[in-house]
Amino acid sequence: MDSLLDALQEGRLIELPENDKEDALRFLAHIIEAIPSLPTGLDAVGMIMDRERSADTSLGKGWACPHARVPFDDDLLCVVGWSPQGIQYGARDGIPVSVVVMYLVPENQWNNYLREVSLLAKALSVYPGLEKMRAAKELNEIRDHLLDLISSTKETVGPDSRARMIRLQTRPTLEPVGAAADLTNLVLEPITLIAGTGIKHIVLTQNPSLAQILDTAPGLVEKMEAEGAFQKGGWRVVKRGKTVYQHGRAAYDCLAIRVARGK
């Protein structure tokens, strides 16, 4: 399960800010789109949501593996989301999903993807710590459980994977490693966007440079309303919720995502 090991090594294990299924999937898909090494204009959100509407991607036992197939050759890539409360995912066993492993599957990686998901399903069938994983309170607990789960399939993974897993198990925290798909430099900023008929939008954020970018951004409100996302200046702003008030005014609860470039 090399892709899952890569996700742990490269900081692509993320606590989900929402426990709504669609919001969680959109959030993880936006994280994937923010990876600098991927082609610009990649609509991972649309592909993931279209796939989810056509097929059940839950594995049971509190896990789900949504994916999107992309029309280019590259490495198999995944991002792991953890929901402390659990997501009502519609799984057959009725267990809320706490771990979402989202895959981006290039054309040349389809067989590797099928093998990895098969190995993951096998690991879930033998791993004795699933109840403890669902009860975890911190992200590093989830990381440790994931390493333990992978080790439960040690007879089916190669020596390189086992060696990398041993190195990961010696790390006390999630450390930056400087990989091309590294998300340890991920920056998340909560935003409130106030908008209404006949008034200029107002951006409320603690980040002054982000406020400056969005204060003068044309089409910001229209994009958020139509597509649920807006991108400018290296930031991707994602709508999480909307509250409507009198006189046609509304407050948008948003999250801004940016992958900071390493120095």
Protein backbone atom coordinates (compact mmCIF):
# COMPACT_ATOMS: atom_id res chain seq x y z
CA MET A 1 0.00 0.00 0.00
CA ASP A 2 2.62 2.46 -1.16
CA SER A 3 0.23 5.36 -1.83
CA LEU A 4 -1.13 5.25 1.70
CA LEU A 5 2.42 5.17 3.07
CA ASP A 6 3.29 8.14 0.86
CA ALA A 7 0.30 10.08 2.23
CA LEU A 8 1.53 9.53 5.80
CA GLN A 9 5.11 10.42 4.93
CA GLU A 10 4.21 13.56 2.98
CA GLY A 11 1.74 15.13 5.38
CA ARG A 12 -1.42 14.20 3.46
CA LEU A 13 -3.34 13.10 6.55
CA ILE A 14 -5.80 15.87 7.42
CA GLU A 15 -8.51 16.39 10.01
CA LEU A 16 -11.80 17.14 8.26
CA PRO A 17 -13.43 20.41 9.38
CA GLU A 18 -16.94 19.10 8.54
CA ASN A 19 -18.79 15.82 9.14
CA ASP A 20 -21.25 16.28 6.26
CA LYS A 21 -20.47 13.79 3.49
CA GLU A 22 -20.56 16.16 0.52
CA ASP A 23 -18.71 18.91 2.35
CA ALA A 24 -16.01 16.45 3.45
CA LEU A 25 -15.55 15.06 -0.06
CA ARG A 26 -15.40 18.52 -1.60
CA PHE A 27 -12.87 19.61 1.01
CA LEU A 28 -10.54 16.66 0.31
CA ALA A 29 -10.93 17.10 -3.45
CA HIS A 30 -9.94 20.77 -3.12
CA ILE A 31 -6.89 19.64 -1.13
CA ILE A 32 -5.89 17.34 -3.99
CA GLU A 33 -6.38 20.13 -6.53
CA ALA A 34 -4.06 22.35 -4.46
CA ILE A 35 -1.08 20.00 -4.90
CA PRO A 36 1.36 22.05 -7.04
CA SER A 37 2.61 19.11 -9.14
CA LEU A 38 -0.82 18.42 -10.67
CA PRO A 39 -2.01 20.02 -13.94
CA THR A 40 -3.82 23.33 -13.62
CA GLY A 41 -7.54 23.29 -14.29
CA LEU A 42 -8.00 19.80 -12.87
CA ASP A 43 -11.63 19.46 -11.74
CA ALA A 44 -11.10 16.85 -9.03
CA VAL A 45 -14.17 18.11 -7.17
CA GLY A 46 -16.49 17.53 -10.12
CA MET A 47 -15.02 14.11 -10.91
CA ILE A 48 -15.17 12.92 -7.31
CA MET A 49 -18.77 14.08 -6.84
CA ASP A 50 -19.91 12.57 -10.16
CA ARG A 51 -18.35 9.25 -9.19
CA GLU A 52 -19.94 9.36 -5.73
CA ARG A 53 -23.40 9.86 -7.21
CA SER A 54 -23.03 6.76 -9.37
CA ALA A 55 -21.46 4.30 -6.91
CA ASP A 56 -21.11 3.60 -3.20
CA THR A 57 -17.47 4.11 -2.21
CA SER A 58 -17.71 3.00 1.41
CA LEU A 59 -15.66 -0.03 2.44
CA GLY A 60 -17.52 -0.55 5.71
CA LYS A 61 -16.06 -0.55 9.24
CA GLY A 62 -15.85 3.25 9.21
CA TRP A 63 -13.84 3.61 5.98
CA ALA A 64 -14.50 5.01 2.49
CA CYS A 65 -12.35 5.20 -0.66
CA PRO A 66 -13.73 7.74 -3.15
CA HIS A 67 -11.66 8.21 -6.28
CA ALA A 68 -11.39 10.07 -9.57
CA ARG A 69 -9.79 8.75 -12.77
CA VAL A 70 -7.77 11.38 -14.64
CA PRO A 71 -6.73 11.30 -18.32
CA PHE A 72 -2.95 11.54 -17.90
CA ASP A 73 -0.06 9.38 -16.69
CA ASP A 74 1.43 10.04 -13.27
CA ASP A 75 1.87 8.43 -9.86
CA LEU A 76 -1.08 7.09 -7.88
CA LEU A 77 -1.93 9.71 -5.26
CA CYS A 78 -4.14 9.72 -2.20
CA VAL A 79 -5.18 12.12 0.55
CA VAL A 80 -6.51 10.84 3.87
CA GLY A 81 -9.21 12.67 5.81
CA TRP A 82 -10.13 11.91 9.42
CA SER A 83 -13.50 12.85 10.92
CA PRO A 84 -13.48 12.74 14.75
CA GLN A 85 -17.31 12.71 14.89
CA GLY A 86 -17.80 10.34 11.96
CA ILE A 87 -19.65 10.98 8.68
CA GLN A 88 -23.10 9.56 7.89
CA TYR A 89 -21.93 8.08 4.61
CA GLY A 90 -24.74 5.65 3.86
CA ALA A 91 -22.51 2.60 4.37
CA ARG A 92 -24.22 -0.79 4.28
CA ASP A 93 -23.11 -1.65 7.82
CA GLY A 94 -24.45 1.67 9.14
CA ILE A 95 -21.14 2.63 10.79
CA PRO A 96 -20.26 6.35 10.39
CA VAL A 97 -17.14 6.85 8.29
CA SER A 98 -14.19 8.23 10.23
CA VAL A 99 -11.42 7.64 7.65
CA VAL A 100 -11.75 8.75 4.02
CA VAL A 101 -8.91 7.74 1.69
CA MET A 102 -9.41 9.71 -1.53
CA TYR A 103 -7.46 8.55 -4.59
CA LEU A 104 -6.50 10.35 -7.76
CA VAL A 105 -6.01 7.58 -10.33
CA PRO A 106 -4.06 8.34 -13.55
CA GLU A 107 -4.62 6.14 -16.60
CA ASN A 108 -1.38 4.19 -16.06
CA GLN A 109 -2.20 3.46 -12.40
CA TRP A 110 -5.61 1.76 -12.59
CA ASN A 111 -4.31 -1.74 -11.83
CA ASN A 112 -2.16 -0.41 -8.98
CA TYR A 113 -5.20 1.36 -7.57
CA LEU A 114 -7.31 -1.82 -7.67
CA ARG A 115 -4.52 -3.74 -5.95
CA GLU A 116 -4.11 -1.11 -3.25
CA VAL A 117 -7.82 -0.93 -2.44
CA SER A 118 -7.96 -4.73 -2.37
CA LEU A 119 -5.07 -4.81 0.11
CA LEU A 120 -6.75 -2.12 2.19
CA ALA A 121 -9.99 -4.13 2.35
CA LYS A 122 -7.96 -7.16 3.44
CA ALA A 123 -6.20 -5.11 6.13
CA LEU A 124 -9.56 -3.91 7.48
CA SER A 125 -10.70 -7.52 7.80
CA VAL A 126 -7.77 -8.48 10.06
CA TYR A 127 -6.86 -5.30 11.92
CA PRO A 128 -7.90 -5.61 15.59
CA GLY A 129 -7.76 -1.89 16.42
CA LEU A 130 -10.67 -0.46 14.41
CA GLU A 131 -12.75 0.35 17.50
CA LYS A 132 -9.79 2.16 19.07
CA MET A 133 -9.24 4.03 15.81
CA ARG A 134 -12.84 5.28 15.81
CA ALA A 135 -12.37 6.43 19.40
CA ALA A 136 -9.14 8.36 18.66
CA LYS A 137 -9.00 12.01 19.72
CA GLU A 138 -5.87 13.23 17.93
CA LEU A 139 -4.52 13.08 14.39
CA ASN A 140 -1.27 11.41 15.45
CA GLU A 141 -3.28 8.59 17.03
CA ILE A 142 -4.89 7.99 13.64
CA ARG A 143 -1.47 8.04 11.98
CA ASP A 144 -0.18 5.40 14.39
CA HIS A 145 -3.23 3.23 13.80
CA LEU A 146 -2.79 3.53 10.04
CA LEU A 147 0.79 2.32 10.35
CA ASP A 148 -0.37 -0.58 12.48
CA LEU A 149 -3.07 -1.42 9.96
CA ILE A 150 -0.58 -1.44 7.11
CA SER A 151 1.71 -3.70 9.11
CA SER A 152 -1.16 -6.20 9.40
CA THR A 153 -0.67 -6.87 5.67
CA LYS A 154 3.13 -7.12 5.94
CA GLU A 155 3.16 -10.50 4.21
CA THR A 156 1.64 -8.94 1.08
CA VAL A 157 3.69 -5.73 0.83
CA GLY A 158 7.19 -5.59 -0.56
CA PRO A 159 10.46 -5.07 1.36
CA ASP A 160 10.73 -1.43 0.29
CA SER A 161 7.31 -0.69 1.75
CA ARG A 162 8.16 -2.44 5.00
CA ALA A 163 11.42 -0.48 5.29
CA ARG A 164 9.63 2.83 4.72
CA MET A 165 6.98 1.87 7.24
CA ILE A 166 9.64 1.18 9.87
CA ARG A 167 11.14 4.63 9.26
CA LEU A 168 7.72 6.24 9.62
CA GLN A 169 7.01 4.40 12.87
CA THR A 170 10.06 6.01 14.45
CA ARG A 171 8.70 9.53 13.87
CA PRO A 172 6.92 11.05 16.87
CA THR A 173 5.08 13.65 14.79
CA LEU A 174 4.18 14.46 11.20
CA GLU A 175 7.38 16.03 9.93
CA PRO A 176 7.94 17.87 6.64
CA VAL A 177 9.91 15.87 4.09
CA GLY A 178 9.95 18.27 1.14
CA ALA A 179 8.29 15.98 -1.42
CA ALA A 180 6.63 17.32 -4.56
CA ALA A 181 3.19 16.33 -3.24
CA ASP A 182 3.98 17.42 0.33
CA LEU A 183 1.06 19.06 2.15
CA THR A 184 2.83 19.73 5.43
CA ASN A 185 2.92 23.38 4.31
CA LEU A 186 -0.85 23.42 3.94
CA VAL A 187 -2.37 26.69 5.18
CA LEU A 188 -6.05 26.83 6.19
CA GLU A 189 -7.74 30.13 7.00
CA PRO A 190 -11.39 30.45 8.12
CA ILE A 191 -13.27 33.28 6.39
CA THR A 192 -16.67 34.91 6.70
CA LEU A 193 -17.93 36.57 3.53
CA ILE A 194 -20.77 39.10 3.87
CA ALA A 195 -22.68 39.90 0.69
CA GLY A 196 -25.99 41.36 -0.37
CA THR A 197 -27.91 43.12 -3.10
CA GLY A 198 -26.50 46.55 -3.85
CA ILE A 199 -23.60 46.36 -1.40
CA LYS A 200 -19.91 45.54 -1.85
CA HIS A 201 -18.90 42.25 -0.33
CA ILE A 202 -17.03 42.26 2.99
CA VAL A 203 -14.31 39.73 3.84
CA LEU A 204 -13.67 38.90 7.50
CA THR A 205 -10.39 37.08 8.11
CA GLN A 206 -7.40 37.25 10.44
CA ASN A 207 -5.01 37.06 7.46
CA PRO A 208 -4.38 40.62 6.14
CA SER A 209 -2.80 39.57 2.82
CA LEU A 210 -5.70 37.22 2.10
CA ALA A 211 -8.18 39.97 2.97
CA GLN A 212 -6.43 42.31 0.54
CA ILE A 213 -6.65 39.71 -2.26
CA LEU A 214 -10.32 38.97 -1.71
CA ASP A 215 -11.52 42.51 -0.92
CA THR A 216 -10.97 43.54 -4.55
CA ALA A 217 -11.69 40.19 -6.23
CA PRO A 218 -14.32 40.61 -8.96
CA GLY A 219 -16.93 37.86 -9.20
CA LEU A 220 -16.11 36.45 -5.77
CA VAL A 221 -19.70 36.23 -4.54
CA GLU A 222 -21.03 34.99 -7.89
CA LYS A 223 -18.43 32.20 -8.00
CA MET A 224 -19.11 31.16 -4.42
CA GLU A 225 -22.84 31.03 -5.10
CA ALA A 226 -22.62 29.17 -8.43
CA GLU A 227 -19.65 26.85 -7.86
CA GLY A 228 -18.96 26.90 -4.14
CA ALA A 229 -15.32 27.84 -4.69
CA PHE A 230 -13.13 30.73 -5.85
CA GLN A 231 -9.42 30.83 -6.65
CA LYS A 232 -7.00 33.77 -6.79
CA GLY A 233 -3.46 34.59 -5.72
CA GLY A 234 -2.61 31.00 -4.83
CA TRP A 235 -5.61 30.68 -2.51
CA ARG A 236 -8.60 28.40 -3.04
CA VAL A 237 -11.66 29.57 -1.09
CA VAL A 238 -14.29 26.90 -0.44
CA LYS A 239 -17.83 27.54 0.78
CA ARG A 240 -18.80 25.46 3.83
CA GLY A 241 -22.18 27.00 4.59
CA LYS A 242 -24.49 29.94 4.02
CA THR A 243 -26.84 31.85 6.33
CA VAL A 244 -29.48 34.09 4.72
CA TYR A 245 -30.62 37.28 6.47
CA GLN A 246 -33.21 39.97 5.77
CA HIS A 247 -32.93 42.44 2.88
CA GLY A 248 -31.21 39.91 0.62
CA ARG A 249 -28.05 39.71 2.69
CA ALA A 250 -26.10 36.53 3.41
CA ALA A 251 -23.07 35.34 5.35
CA TYR A 252 -20.91 32.64 3.75
CA ASP A 253 -18.84 30.43 6.03
CA CYS A 254 -15.70 29.67 4.00
CA LEU A 255 -12.30 28.07 4.29
CA ALA A 256 -9.26 29.34 2.34
CA ILE A 257 -6.68 26.73 1.33
CA ARG A 258 -3.13 27.34 0.16
CA VAL A 259 -0.03 25.16 -0.12
CA ALA A 260 2.89 27.38 0.89
CA ARG A 261 6.00 26.99 -1.25
CA GLY A 262 9.00 25.66 0.62
CA LYS A 263 11.95 27.99 1.06
